[in-house]
Amino acid sequence: MGSPSRTDPKASPPPGTVDPCASGVCGTEVPPLVGSVLTGTGLTLAQAAAALQRGEAPALTDVQRRIVERYVLDRGV
């Protein structure tokens, strides 16, 4: 097996370099949250938290899901 392709999104950055998007939020992407609204969902944090607690699966990115989960934990919702 060869080394991972440079175009493979799961490939690690070359040794000695820093992943430019380690946070999961890159400069060319829209922010996952503007104010209290989750971008692209039309839901506020509170609405998304309530939806998750009802067992629904709102269309969230991985980053948005982590934000909502943290919101729930921080507020004891």
PDB file of N, CA and C in Angstrom:
ATOM      1  N   MET A   1       0.826  -1.174   0.000  1.00  0.00           N
ATOM      2  CA  MET A   1       0.000   0.000   0.000  1.00  0.00           C
ATOM      3  C   MET A   1       0.875   1.243   0.000  1.00  0.00           C
ATOM      4  N   GLY A   2       0.463   2.218  -0.781  1.00  0.00           N
ATOM      5  CA  GLY A   2       1.199   3.467  -0.855  1.00  0.00           C
ATOM      6  C   GLY A   2       0.754   4.436   0.217  1.00  0.00           C
ATOM      7  N   SER A   3       1.367   5.595   0.208  1.00  0.00           N
ATOM      8  CA  SER A   3       0.981   6.624   1.170  1.00  0.00           C
ATOM      9  C   SER A   3      -0.339   7.236   0.752  1.00  0.00           C
ATOM     10  N   PRO A   4      -1.059   7.872   1.688  1.00  0.00           N
ATOM     11  CA  PRO A   4      -2.357   8.457   1.350  1.00  0.00           C
ATOM     12  C   PRO A   4      -2.226   9.529   0.278  1.00  0.00           C
ATOM     13  N   SER A   5      -3.223   9.616  -0.535  1.00  0.00           N
ATOM     14  CA  SER A   5      -3.253  10.619  -1.602  1.00  0.00           C
ATOM     15  C   SER A   5      -3.380  12.006  -1.004  1.00  0.00           C
ATOM     16  N   ARG A   6      -2.778  12.992  -1.637  1.00  0.00           N
ATOM     17  CA  ARG A   6      -2.888  14.368  -1.156  1.00  0.00           C
ATOM     18  C   ARG A   6      -4.315  14.883  -1.292  1.00  0.00           C
ATOM     19  N   THR A   7      -5.100  14.266  -2.175  1.00  0.00           N
ATOM     20  CA  THR A   7      -6.482  14.705  -2.353  1.00  0.00           C
ATOM     21  C   THR A   7      -7.432  13.956  -1.424  1.00  0.00           C
ATOM     22  N   ASP A   8      -6.933  12.973  -0.683  1.00  0.00           N
ATOM     23  CA  ASP A   8      -7.754  12.218   0.254  1.00  0.00           C
ATOM     24  C   ASP A   8      -8.057  13.105   1.461  1.00  0.00           C
ATOM     25  N   PRO A   9      -9.346  13.482   1.684  1.00  0.00           N
ATOM     26  CA  PRO A   9      -9.670  14.393   2.785  1.00  0.00           C
ATOM     27  C   PRO A   9      -9.383  13.806   4.155  1.00  0.00           C
ATOM     28  N   LYS A  10      -9.277  12.492   4.254  1.00  0.00           N
ATOM     29  CA  LYS A  10      -9.010  11.861   5.538  1.00  0.00           C
ATOM     30  C   LYS A  10      -7.511  11.679   5.784  1.00  0.00           C
ATOM     31  N   ALA A  11      -6.690  11.986   4.795  1.00  0.00           N
ATOM     32  CA  ALA A  11      -5.255  11.833   4.934  1.00  0.00           C
ATOM     33  C   ALA A  11      -4.715  12.868   5.911  1.00  0.00           C
ATOM     34  N   SER A  12      -3.747  12.465   6.692  1.00  0.00           N
ATOM     35  CA  SER A  12      -3.117  13.389   7.632  1.00  0.00           C
ATOM     36  C   SER A  12      -2.228  14.356   6.874  1.00  0.00           C
ATOM     37  N   PRO A  13      -2.066  15.571   7.419  1.00  0.00           N
ATOM     38  CA  PRO A  13      -1.149  16.507   6.767  1.00  0.00           C
ATOM     39  C   PRO A  13       0.277  15.971   6.865  1.00  0.00           C
ATOM     40  N   PRO A  14       1.134  16.375   5.967  1.00  0.00           N
ATOM     41  CA  PRO A  14       2.517  15.894   6.000  1.00  0.00           C
ATOM     42  C   PRO A  14       3.166  16.231   7.344  1.00  0.00           C
ATOM     43  N   PRO A  15       4.107  15.391   7.794  1.00  0.00           N
ATOM     44  CA  PRO A  15       4.786  15.662   9.062  1.00  0.00           C
ATOM     45  C   PRO A  15       5.392  17.066   9.071  1.00  0.00           C
ATOM     46  N   GLY A  16       5.283  17.739  10.210  1.00  0.00           N
ATOM     47  CA  GLY A  16       5.863  19.064  10.348  1.00  0.00           C
ATOM     48  C   GLY A  16       4.959  20.185   9.885  1.00  0.00           C
ATOM     49  N   THR A  17       3.740  19.851   9.436  1.00  0.00           N
ATOM     50  CA  THR A  17       2.797  20.882   9.014  1.00  0.00           C
ATOM     51  C   THR A  17       1.603  20.878   9.948  1.00  0.00           C
ATOM     52  N   VAL A  18       0.820  21.908   9.859  1.00  0.00           N
ATOM     53  CA  VAL A  18      -0.366  22.029  10.699  1.00  0.00           C
ATOM     54  C   VAL A  18      -1.594  21.889   9.815  1.00  0.00           C
ATOM     55  N   ASP A  19      -2.587  21.140  10.291  1.00  0.00           N
ATOM     56  CA  ASP A  19      -3.841  21.007   9.552  1.00  0.00           C
ATOM     57  C   ASP A  19      -4.530  22.366   9.544  1.00  0.00           C
ATOM     58  N   PRO A  20      -4.741  22.974   8.374  1.00  0.00           N
ATOM     59  CA  PRO A  20      -5.342  24.304   8.321  1.00  0.00           C
ATOM     60  C   PRO A  20      -6.810  24.334   8.723  1.00  0.00           C
ATOM     61  N   CYS A  21      -7.416  23.173   8.890  1.00  0.00           N
ATOM     62  CA  CYS A  21      -8.838  23.142   9.222  1.00  0.00           C
ATOM     63  C   CYS A  21      -9.099  22.160  10.369  1.00  0.00           C
ATOM     64  N   ALA A  22      -8.215  22.152  11.335  1.00  0.00           N
ATOM     65  CA  ALA A  22      -8.326  21.193  12.438  1.00  0.00           C
ATOM     66  C   ALA A  22      -9.598  21.359  13.246  1.00  0.00           C
ATOM     67  N   SER A  23     -10.147  22.559  13.277  1.00  0.00           N
ATOM     68  CA  SER A  23     -11.361  22.812  14.063  1.00  0.00           C
ATOM     69  C   SER A  23     -12.616  22.283  13.384  1.00  0.00           C
ATOM     70  N   GLY A  24     -12.517  21.982  12.095  1.00  0.00           N
ATOM     71  CA  GLY A  24     -13.686  21.560  11.345  1.00  0.00           C
ATOM     72  C   GLY A  24     -14.437  22.729  10.732  1.00  0.00           C
ATOM     73  N   VAL A  25     -14.012  23.945  11.036  1.00  0.00           N
ATOM     74  CA  VAL A  25     -14.624  25.148  10.479  1.00  0.00           C
ATOM     75  C   VAL A  25     -13.541  25.870   9.697  1.00  0.00           C
ATOM     76  N   CYS A  26     -13.656  25.867   8.385  1.00  0.00           N
ATOM     77  CA  CYS A  26     -12.617  26.445   7.534  1.00  0.00           C
ATOM     78  C   CYS A  26     -13.023  27.839   7.050  1.00  0.00           C
ATOM     79  N   GLY A  27     -12.036  28.637   6.707  1.00  0.00           N
ATOM     80  CA  GLY A  27     -12.267  30.013   6.304  1.00  0.00           C
ATOM     81  C   GLY A  27     -13.131  30.175   5.077  1.00  0.00           C
ATOM     82  N   THR A  28     -13.192  29.182   4.218  1.00  0.00           N
ATOM     83  CA  THR A  28     -13.979  29.307   2.999  1.00  0.00           C
ATOM     84  C   THR A  28     -15.417  28.844   3.190  1.00  0.00           C
ATOM     85  N   GLU A  29     -15.741  28.335   4.357  1.00  0.00           N
ATOM     86  CA  GLU A  29     -17.084  27.838   4.623  1.00  0.00           C
ATOM     87  C   GLU A  29     -17.900  28.888   5.379  1.00  0.00           C
ATOM     88  N   VAL A  30     -19.216  28.794   5.262  1.00  0.00           N
ATOM     89  CA  VAL A  30     -20.069  29.672   6.060  1.00  0.00           C
ATOM     90  C   VAL A  30     -19.949  29.228   7.510  1.00  0.00           C
ATOM     91  N   PRO A  31     -20.118  30.154   8.458  1.00  0.00           N
ATOM     92  CA  PRO A  31     -20.016  29.759   9.865  1.00  0.00           C
ATOM     93  C   PRO A  31     -21.176  28.837  10.238  1.00  0.00           C
ATOM     94  N   PRO A  32     -20.959  27.914  11.170  1.00  0.00           N
ATOM     95  CA  PRO A  32     -22.023  26.989  11.562  1.00  0.00           C
ATOM     96  C   PRO A  32     -23.138  27.661  12.357  1.00  0.00           C
ATOM     97  N   LEU A  33     -22.831  28.839  12.914  1.00  0.00           N
ATOM     98  CA  LEU A  33     -23.779  29.516  13.789  1.00  0.00           C
ATOM     99  C   LEU A  33     -23.639  31.023  13.596  1.00  0.00           C
ATOM    100  N   VAL A  34     -24.764  31.702  13.384  1.00  0.00           N
ATOM    101  CA  VAL A  34     -24.779  33.162  13.308  1.00  0.00           C
ATOM    102  C   VAL A  34     -25.766  33.640  14.361  1.00  0.00           C
ATOM    103  N   GLY A  35     -25.234  34.298  15.384  1.00  0.00           N
ATOM    104  CA  GLY A  35     -26.083  34.652  16.523  1.00  0.00           C
ATOM    105  C   GLY A  35     -26.516  33.370  17.211  1.00  0.00           C
ATOM    106  N   SER A  36     -27.804  33.125  17.236  1.00  0.00           N
ATOM    107  CA  SER A  36     -28.297  31.869  17.821  1.00  0.00           C
ATOM    108  C   SER A  36     -28.897  30.951  16.766  1.00  0.00           C
ATOM    109  N   VAL A  37     -28.735  31.315  15.474  1.00  0.00           N
ATOM    110  CA  VAL A  37     -29.311  30.530  14.380  1.00  0.00           C
ATOM    111  C   VAL A  37     -28.245  29.636  13.749  1.00  0.00           C
ATOM    112  N   LEU A  38     -28.575  28.371  13.619  1.00  0.00           N
ATOM    113  CA  LEU A  38     -27.691  27.414  12.968  1.00  0.00           C
ATOM    114  C   LEU A  38     -27.803  27.607  11.453  1.00  0.00           C
ATOM    115  N   THR A  39     -26.718  28.018  10.838  1.00  0.00           N
ATOM    116  CA  THR A  39     -26.690  28.367   9.421  1.00  0.00           C
ATOM    117  C   THR A  39     -27.210  27.223   8.549  1.00  0.00           C
ATOM    118  N   GLY A  40     -28.119  27.570   7.649  1.00  0.00           N
ATOM    119  CA  GLY A  40     -28.629  26.598   6.687  1.00  0.00           C
ATOM    120  C   GLY A  40     -29.729  25.698   7.213  1.00  0.00           C
ATOM    121  N   THR A  41     -30.087  25.854   8.484  1.00  0.00           N
ATOM    122  CA  THR A  41     -31.128  24.989   9.053  1.00  0.00           C
ATOM    123  C   THR A  41     -32.418  25.739   9.331  1.00  0.00           C
ATOM    124  N   GLY A  42     -32.310  27.043   9.576  1.00  0.00           N
ATOM    125  CA  GLY A  42     -33.471  27.815   9.968  1.00  0.00           C
ATOM    126  C   GLY A  42     -33.867  27.575  11.413  1.00  0.00           C
ATOM    127  N   LEU A  43     -33.038  26.853  12.152  1.00  0.00           N
ATOM    128  CA  LEU A  43     -33.323  26.546  13.558  1.00  0.00           C
ATOM    129  C   LEU A  43     -32.417  27.349  14.474  1.00  0.00           C
ATOM    130  N   THR A  44     -32.949  27.733  15.610  1.00  0.00           N
ATOM    131  CA  THR A  44     -32.107  28.324  16.645  1.00  0.00           C
ATOM    132  C   THR A  44     -31.478  27.185  17.442  1.00  0.00           C
ATOM    133  N   LEU A  45     -30.510  27.540  18.270  1.00  0.00           N
ATOM    134  CA  LEU A  45     -29.916  26.517  19.148  1.00  0.00           C
ATOM    135  C   LEU A  45     -30.981  25.851  20.007  1.00  0.00           C
ATOM    136  N   ALA A  46     -31.867  26.659  20.583  1.00  0.00           N
ATOM    137  CA  ALA A  46     -32.911  26.117  21.455  1.00  0.00           C
ATOM    138  C   ALA A  46     -33.842  25.166  20.696  1.00  0.00           C
ATOM    139  N   GLN A  47     -34.212  25.544  19.469  1.00  0.00           N
ATOM    140  CA  GLN A  47     -35.101  24.693  18.675  1.00  0.00           C
ATOM    141  C   GLN A  47     -34.408  23.373  18.302  1.00  0.00           C
ATOM    142  N   ALA A  48     -33.135  23.454  17.932  1.00  0.00           N
ATOM    143  CA  ALA A  48     -32.402  22.238  17.573  1.00  0.00           C
ATOM    144  C   ALA A  48     -32.226  21.336  18.789  1.00  0.00           C
ATOM    145  N   ALA A  49     -31.959  21.943  19.954  1.00  0.00           N
ATOM    146  CA  ALA A  49     -31.823  21.159  21.184  1.00  0.00           C
ATOM    147  C   ALA A  49     -33.128  20.439  21.505  1.00  0.00           C
ATOM    148  N   ALA A  50     -34.240  21.147  21.390  1.00  0.00           N
ATOM    149  CA  ALA A  50     -35.544  20.535  21.659  1.00  0.00           C
ATOM    150  C   ALA A  50     -35.827  19.408  20.674  1.00  0.00           C
ATOM    151  N   ALA A  51     -35.472  19.614  19.412  1.00  0.00           N
ATOM    152  CA  ALA A  51     -35.691  18.576  18.389  1.00  0.00           C
ATOM    153  C   ALA A  51     -34.885  17.322  18.720  1.00  0.00           C
ATOM    154  N   LEU A  52     -33.624  17.495  19.111  1.00  0.00           N
ATOM    155  CA  LEU A  52     -32.800  16.334  19.471  1.00  0.00           C
ATOM    156  C   LEU A  52     -33.381  15.610  20.677  1.00  0.00           C
ATOM    157  N   GLN A  53     -33.880  16.357  21.649  1.00  0.00           N
ATOM    158  CA  GLN A  53     -34.449  15.728  22.836  1.00  0.00           C
ATOM    159  C   GLN A  53     -35.738  14.974  22.532  1.00  0.00           C
ATOM    160  N   ARG A  54     -36.452  15.391  21.492  1.00  0.00           N
ATOM    161  CA  ARG A  54     -37.669  14.678  21.075  1.00  0.00           C
ATOM    162  C   ARG A  54     -37.327  13.455  20.227  1.00  0.00           C
ATOM    163  N   GLY A  55     -36.043  13.244  19.966  1.00  0.00           N
ATOM    164  CA  GLY A  55     -35.621  12.101  19.165  1.00  0.00           C
ATOM    165  C   GLY A  55     -35.600  12.376  17.679  1.00  0.00           C
ATOM    166  N   GLU A  56     -35.823  13.622  17.307  1.00  0.00           N
ATOM    167  CA  GLU A  56     -35.770  13.994  15.891  1.00  0.00           C
ATOM    168  C   GLU A  56     -34.315  14.094  15.458  1.00  0.00           C
ATOM    169  N   ALA A  57     -34.099  14.115  14.158  1.00  0.00           N
ATOM    170  CA  ALA A  57     -32.751  14.219  13.607  1.00  0.00           C
ATOM    171  C   ALA A  57     -32.686  15.406  12.654  1.00  0.00           C
ATOM    172  N   PRO A  58     -32.596  16.637  13.206  1.00  0.00           N
ATOM    173  CA  PRO A  58     -32.512  17.797  12.321  1.00  0.00           C
ATOM    174  C   PRO A  58     -31.252  17.716  11.458  1.00  0.00           C
ATOM    175  N   ALA A  59     -31.328  18.287  10.275  1.00  0.00           N
ATOM    176  CA  ALA A  59     -30.194  18.257   9.339  1.00  0.00           C
ATOM    177  C   ALA A  59     -29.118  19.212   9.827  1.00  0.00           C
ATOM    178  N   LEU A  60     -28.170  18.681  10.591  1.00  0.00           N
ATOM    179  CA  LEU A  60     -27.075  19.479  11.138  1.00  0.00           C
ATOM    180  C   LEU A  60     -25.746  18.928  10.633  1.00  0.00           C
ATOM    181  N   THR A  61     -24.781  19.816  10.485  1.00  0.00           N
ATOM    182  CA  THR A  61     -23.432  19.342  10.192  1.00  0.00           C
ATOM    183  C   THR A  61     -22.860  18.756  11.477  1.00  0.00           C
ATOM    184  N   ASP A  62     -21.740  18.065  11.378  1.00  0.00           N
ATOM    185  CA  ASP A  62     -21.101  17.511  12.577  1.00  0.00           C
ATOM    186  C   ASP A  62     -20.760  18.618  13.569  1.00  0.00           C
ATOM    187  N   VAL A  63     -20.258  19.743  13.061  1.00  0.00           N
ATOM    188  CA  VAL A  63     -19.898  20.864  13.928  1.00  0.00           C
ATOM    189  C   VAL A  63     -21.145  21.427  14.602  1.00  0.00           C
ATOM    190  N   GLN A  64     -22.226  21.601  13.847  1.00  0.00           N
ATOM    191  CA  GLN A  64     -23.466  22.115  14.430  1.00  0.00           C
ATOM    192  C   GLN A  64     -24.013  21.167  15.491  1.00  0.00           C
ATOM    193  N   ARG A  65     -23.946  19.874  15.227  1.00  0.00           N
ATOM    194  CA  ARG A  65     -24.442  18.895  16.200  1.00  0.00           C
ATOM    195  C   ARG A  65     -23.662  19.010  17.510  1.00  0.00           C
ATOM    196  N   ARG A  66     -22.334  19.168  17.402  1.00  0.00           N
ATOM    197  CA  ARG A  66     -21.523  19.320  18.615  1.00  0.00           C
ATOM    198  C   ARG A  66     -21.879  20.605  19.350  1.00  0.00           C
ATOM    199  N   ILE A  67     -22.144  21.679  18.614  1.00  0.00           N
ATOM    200  CA  ILE A  67     -22.546  22.942  19.238  1.00  0.00           C
ATOM    201  C   ILE A  67     -23.858  22.757  19.996  1.00  0.00           C
ATOM    202  N   VAL A  68     -24.817  22.099  19.375  1.00  0.00           N
ATOM    203  CA  VAL A  68     -26.126  21.882  20.013  1.00  0.00           C
ATOM    204  C   VAL A  68     -25.969  20.975  21.232  1.00  0.00           C
ATOM    205  N   GLU A  69     -25.181  19.916  21.107  1.00  0.00           N
ATOM    206  CA  GLU A  69     -24.973  19.011  22.239  1.00  0.00           C
ATOM    207  C   GLU A  69     -24.327  19.751  23.406  1.00  0.00           C
ATOM    208  N   ARG A  70     -23.380  20.630  23.103  1.00  0.00           N
ATOM    209  CA  ARG A  70     -22.732  21.421  24.163  1.00  0.00           C
ATOM    210  C   ARG A  70     -23.732  22.398  24.793  1.00  0.00           C
ATOM    211  N   TYR A  71     -24.574  22.990  23.961  1.00  0.00           N
ATOM    212  CA  TYR A  71     -25.631  23.896  24.442  1.00  0.00           C
ATOM    213  C   TYR A  71     -26.514  23.165  25.452  1.00  0.00           C
ATOM    214  N   VAL A  72     -26.901  21.945  25.119  1.00  0.00           N
ATOM    215  CA  VAL A  72     -27.744  21.149  26.012  1.00  0.00           C
ATOM    216  C   VAL A  72     -27.020  20.867  27.318  1.00  0.00           C
ATOM    217  N   LEU A  73     -25.759  20.459  27.237  1.00  0.00           N
ATOM    218  CA  LEU A  73     -25.002  20.147  28.438  1.00  0.00           C
ATOM    219  C   LEU A  73     -24.806  21.379  29.328  1.00  0.00           C
ATOM    220  N   ASP A  74     -24.470  22.500  28.716  1.00  0.00           N
ATOM    221  CA  ASP A  74     -24.205  23.719  29.476  1.00  0.00           C
ATOM    222  C   ASP A  74     -25.456  24.260  30.172  1.00  0.00           C
ATOM    223  N   ARG A  75     -26.608  24.035  29.587  1.00  0.00           N
ATOM    224  CA  ARG A  75     -27.841  24.597  30.127  1.00  0.00           C
ATOM    225  C   ARG A  75     -28.680  23.567  30.876  1.00  0.00           C
ATOM    226  N   GLY A  76     -28.249  22.312  30.829  1.00  0.00           N
ATOM    227  CA  GLY A  76     -29.027  21.280  31.502  1.00  0.00           C
ATOM    228  C   GLY A  76     -30.418  21.137  30.925  1.00  0.00           C
ATOM    229  N   VAL A  77     -30.502  21.425  29.613  1.00  0.00           N
ATOM    230  CA  VAL A  77     -31.809  21.393  28.931  1.00  0.00           C
ATOM    231  C   VAL A  77     -32.271  19.955  28.800  1.00  0.00           C
TER     232      VAL A  77
END
